[in-house]
Amino acid sequence: MKLSMAEFRNDMATPINKVVYGGERLILTRKGKGTVAMVSLEDLELIEKLEDEIDVREAKKVLAEMKRTGEKPVPLRQVKKRLGL
């Protein structure tokens, strides 16, 4: 479902209820372009779980490559120093 920001401001309860209770996803638009998406908490938790799984998979690939090449990890303090943090 897509709504302009103005439409959303005029009636927030209905679209929020559709997201929360109907499982719909809402895109708020400004000047015809999507700016914000609203999803149920259940959908957000699923998205975050998928992101975590992708991060773990990528970390395992990097660690395996480091092991294969003999590359050593760079200590965090060294990274911070390089970045001036």
C-alpha atoms as a PDB file:
ATOM      1  CA  MET A   1       0.000   0.000   0.000  1.00  0.00           C
ATOM      2  CA  LYS A   2       1.285   3.484  -0.835  1.00  0.00           C
ATOM      3  CA  LEU A   3       0.182   6.721   0.777  1.00  0.00           C
ATOM      4  CA  SER A   4       1.407  10.264   0.541  1.00  0.00           C
ATOM      5  CA  MET A   5       2.680  11.834   3.732  1.00  0.00           C
ATOM      6  CA  ALA A   6      -0.318  14.187   3.676  1.00  0.00           C
ATOM      7  CA  GLU A   7      -2.795  11.285   3.405  1.00  0.00           C
ATOM      8  CA  PHE A   8      -1.015   9.521   6.254  1.00  0.00           C
ATOM      9  CA  ARG A   9      -1.129  12.619   8.476  1.00  0.00           C
ATOM     10  CA  ASN A  10      -4.877  12.952   7.858  1.00  0.00           C
ATOM     11  CA  ASP A  11      -5.607   9.386   8.982  1.00  0.00           C
ATOM     12  CA  MET A  12      -2.772   7.525  10.695  1.00  0.00           C
ATOM     13  CA  ALA A  13      -4.863   4.928  12.520  1.00  0.00           C
ATOM     14  CA  THR A  14      -6.244   3.092   9.489  1.00  0.00           C
ATOM     15  CA  PRO A  15      -2.951   2.414   7.676  1.00  0.00           C
ATOM     16  CA  ILE A  16      -1.168   1.586  10.951  1.00  0.00           C
ATOM     17  CA  ASN A  17      -3.889  -0.941  11.785  1.00  0.00           C
ATOM     18  CA  LYS A  18      -3.525  -2.471   8.325  1.00  0.00           C
ATOM     19  CA  VAL A  19       0.213  -2.894   8.949  1.00  0.00           C
ATOM     20  CA  VAL A  20      -0.137  -4.200  12.508  1.00  0.00           C
ATOM     21  CA  TYR A  21      -3.192  -6.420  12.153  1.00  0.00           C
ATOM     22  CA  GLY A  22      -3.361  -7.092   8.421  1.00  0.00           C
ATOM     23  CA  GLY A  23       0.315  -7.731   7.792  1.00  0.00           C
ATOM     24  CA  GLU A  24       0.362  -5.123   5.022  1.00  0.00           C
ATOM     25  CA  ARG A  25       3.454  -3.118   4.183  1.00  0.00           C
ATOM     26  CA  LEU A  26       3.128   0.620   3.823  1.00  0.00           C
ATOM     27  CA  ILE A  27       5.242   2.976   1.752  1.00  0.00           C
ATOM     28  CA  LEU A  28       4.922   6.668   2.526  1.00  0.00           C
ATOM     29  CA  THR A  29       5.612   8.946  -0.401  1.00  0.00           C
ATOM     30  CA  ARG A  30       6.655  12.536  -0.820  1.00  0.00           C
ATOM     31  CA  LYS A  31       6.232  14.162  -4.226  1.00  0.00           C
ATOM     32  CA  GLY A  32       5.354  10.746  -5.638  1.00  0.00           C
ATOM     33  CA  LYS A  33       8.549   9.043  -4.456  1.00  0.00           C
ATOM     34  CA  GLY A  34       8.780   6.467  -1.683  1.00  0.00           C
ATOM     35  CA  THR A  35      10.534   7.838   1.396  1.00  0.00           C
ATOM     36  CA  VAL A  36       9.624   5.589   4.322  1.00  0.00           C
ATOM     37  CA  ALA A  37       8.458   2.012   4.663  1.00  0.00           C
ATOM     38  CA  MET A  38       6.373   0.731   7.545  1.00  0.00           C
ATOM     39  CA  VAL A  39       6.271  -2.984   8.315  1.00  0.00           C
ATOM     40  CA  SER A  40       4.958  -5.033  11.193  1.00  0.00           C
ATOM     41  CA  LEU A  41       7.313  -5.811  14.051  1.00  0.00           C
ATOM     42  CA  GLU A  42       7.163  -9.456  12.947  1.00  0.00           C
ATOM     43  CA  ASP A  43       8.444  -8.490   9.479  1.00  0.00           C
ATOM     44  CA  LEU A  44      11.179  -6.303  10.984  1.00  0.00           C
ATOM     45  CA  GLU A  45      12.357  -9.143  13.219  1.00  0.00           C
ATOM     46  CA  LEU A  46      12.511 -11.445  10.184  1.00  0.00           C
ATOM     47  CA  ILE A  47      14.493  -8.875   8.197  1.00  0.00           C
ATOM     48  CA  GLU A  48      16.945  -8.445  11.089  1.00  0.00           C
ATOM     49  CA  LYS A  49      17.322 -12.215  11.454  1.00  0.00           C
ATOM     50  CA  LEU A  50      18.087 -12.548   7.740  1.00  0.00           C
ATOM     51  CA  GLU A  51      20.621  -9.713   7.954  1.00  0.00           C
ATOM     52  CA  ASP A  52      22.318 -11.419  10.914  1.00  0.00           C
ATOM     53  CA  GLU A  53      22.493 -14.718   9.018  1.00  0.00           C
ATOM     54  CA  ILE A  54      24.030 -12.973   6.006  1.00  0.00           C
ATOM     55  CA  ASP A  55      26.578 -11.225   8.256  1.00  0.00           C
ATOM     56  CA  VAL A  56      27.589 -14.526   9.878  1.00  0.00           C
ATOM     57  CA  ARG A  57      27.911 -16.227   6.484  1.00  0.00           C
ATOM     58  CA  GLU A  58      30.096 -13.395   5.166  1.00  0.00           C
ATOM     59  CA  ALA A  59      32.252 -13.381   8.321  1.00  0.00           C
ATOM     60  CA  LYS A  60      32.828 -17.120   7.966  1.00  0.00           C
ATOM     61  CA  LYS A  61      33.901 -16.624   4.340  1.00  0.00           C
ATOM     62  CA  VAL A  62      36.366 -13.897   5.340  1.00  0.00           C
ATOM     63  CA  LEU A  63      37.789 -15.987   8.181  1.00  0.00           C
ATOM     64  CA  ALA A  64      38.180 -18.989   5.886  1.00  0.00           C
ATOM     65  CA  GLU A  65      39.969 -16.828   3.300  1.00  0.00           C
ATOM     66  CA  MET A  66      42.252 -15.385   5.995  1.00  0.00           C
ATOM     67  CA  LYS A  67      43.069 -18.879   7.191  1.00  0.00           C
ATOM     68  CA  ARG A  68      43.732 -20.050   3.636  1.00  0.00           C
ATOM     69  CA  THR A  69      46.079 -17.147   2.872  1.00  0.00           C
ATOM     70  CA  GLY A  70      47.652 -16.926   6.334  1.00  0.00           C
ATOM     71  CA  GLU A  71      46.495 -13.338   6.717  1.00  0.00           C
ATOM     72  CA  LYS A  72      46.256 -12.121  10.320  1.00  0.00           C
ATOM     73  CA  PRO A  73      43.430  -9.954  11.665  1.00  0.00           C
ATOM     74  CA  VAL A  74      44.156  -6.294  12.315  1.00  0.00           C
ATOM     75  CA  PRO A  75      43.609  -5.331  15.980  1.00  0.00           C
ATOM     76  CA  LEU A  76      40.768  -2.872  16.561  1.00  0.00           C
ATOM     77  CA  ARG A  77      43.060  -0.361  18.277  1.00  0.00           C
ATOM     78  CA  GLN A  78      45.229  -0.315  15.150  1.00  0.00           C
ATOM     79  CA  VAL A  79      42.209   0.295  12.906  1.00  0.00           C
ATOM     80  CA  LYS A  80      41.011   3.108  15.178  1.00  0.00           C
ATOM     81  CA  LYS A  81      44.482   4.675  15.121  1.00  0.00           C
ATOM     82  CA  ARG A  82      44.569   4.582  11.304  1.00  0.00           C
ATOM     83  CA  LEU A  83      41.156   6.224  11.188  1.00  0.00           C
ATOM     84  CA  GLY A  84      42.050   8.812  13.807  1.00  0.00           C
ATOM     85  CA  LEU A  85      39.437   7.574  16.264  1.00  0.00           C
END
